[in-house]
């Protein structure tokens, strides 16, 4: 699933999550076993497929939606699912649009979603299943206890991978201060950080589907991954041959398959290194972006000026107060703060690595 499709899925899941009016209506329809076909989106493409029905144009409430679902036709909601625009509508999608579904509601919902790019919900009358169609994808809503169990399992996995990321990150930091980094150390951190990001994305899908029932999980997840994305980008800037293209390299990494991500030699070209086996032992020198970013109240523009002036982390750590003060925008107080901050980071990461 592409990033755009994943973003659209999260938007749809947020609209039908527990605590929303639409989810309350869906649960009432399921209990009544009436079934329903709901299209979210009043675009021109959607309206061109409608035939008959009633113009409602009324505020959407769970009870109104439930009552209207007793009729056979589809219900059209606006893009924000805040208003009921039409009810008992006969939808006439292009029947040449392929679909593997067999039920009338599900076939219509999938064809409408594919043809109009709007989200369509098909609530099964007999099987008590809610299917969400958007673009070329189908997502079946599961019972909250099932989603909650999956979310808790994903959170445990995230915690495990985050602990491992913290370990390899601390090891890399200690090696950076000693200027003993090998490329394999860098690639391990990048690999682990991307894994954490992917697990976080998967967990975010479950949390979004849980709605109000996932608030505590959301807080735990946000705390775990709070700095991961920034650290990953800064690591790429530290060791990539072209720091200004770090964002592009980060996007390319996100498109890697799971198999490619597990192979360090596949990641090395993102940093400008070749894919030879012996490249993993090649020395690498940090520019200092990642560690400088961890110093409190140090603006990004100052970090960029420091790297531009001293070239790498070794040059920055060996610089005197006077030399740091010469950099535009720093001053004596900030220069002392930079020295103290790097000293604390050095002591902390050396302790983390060897204890």
Foldseek 3Di string as FASTA:
>chain_A
DDPVVLVVLLLVLLCCAPPHQNVLLLVLCLVVLQKAKEWEADDPQQVVFWDDFDFDFAFDGSVVSNVLSNADAHWYAHNSNGTTGTGRIDGHADPVPDDPDDDPRVVRQQRSQQRPQTWMWTQHSPPRWIWIHGHNDIDIQDDLVVLVVVLVVLLVVLVVLLVVLVLLVLVQLLCQQVQNDFQLSLLVNLLSLLVSVVSLSVSSSSLSNNHPNNPVSVVSSCVSCVCSVVLNLLSLLFQAPDNVCSVVLVVVLNPDDPVLSVDSLSSVVSRVDHSDPVSRRHRTHTLCRNQLVPQPPDDPVLSVQLSVVQVGPNSLQPDDLVRSCPGPPQHNVNSVSSNVSSVVSNVVSVVSNPD
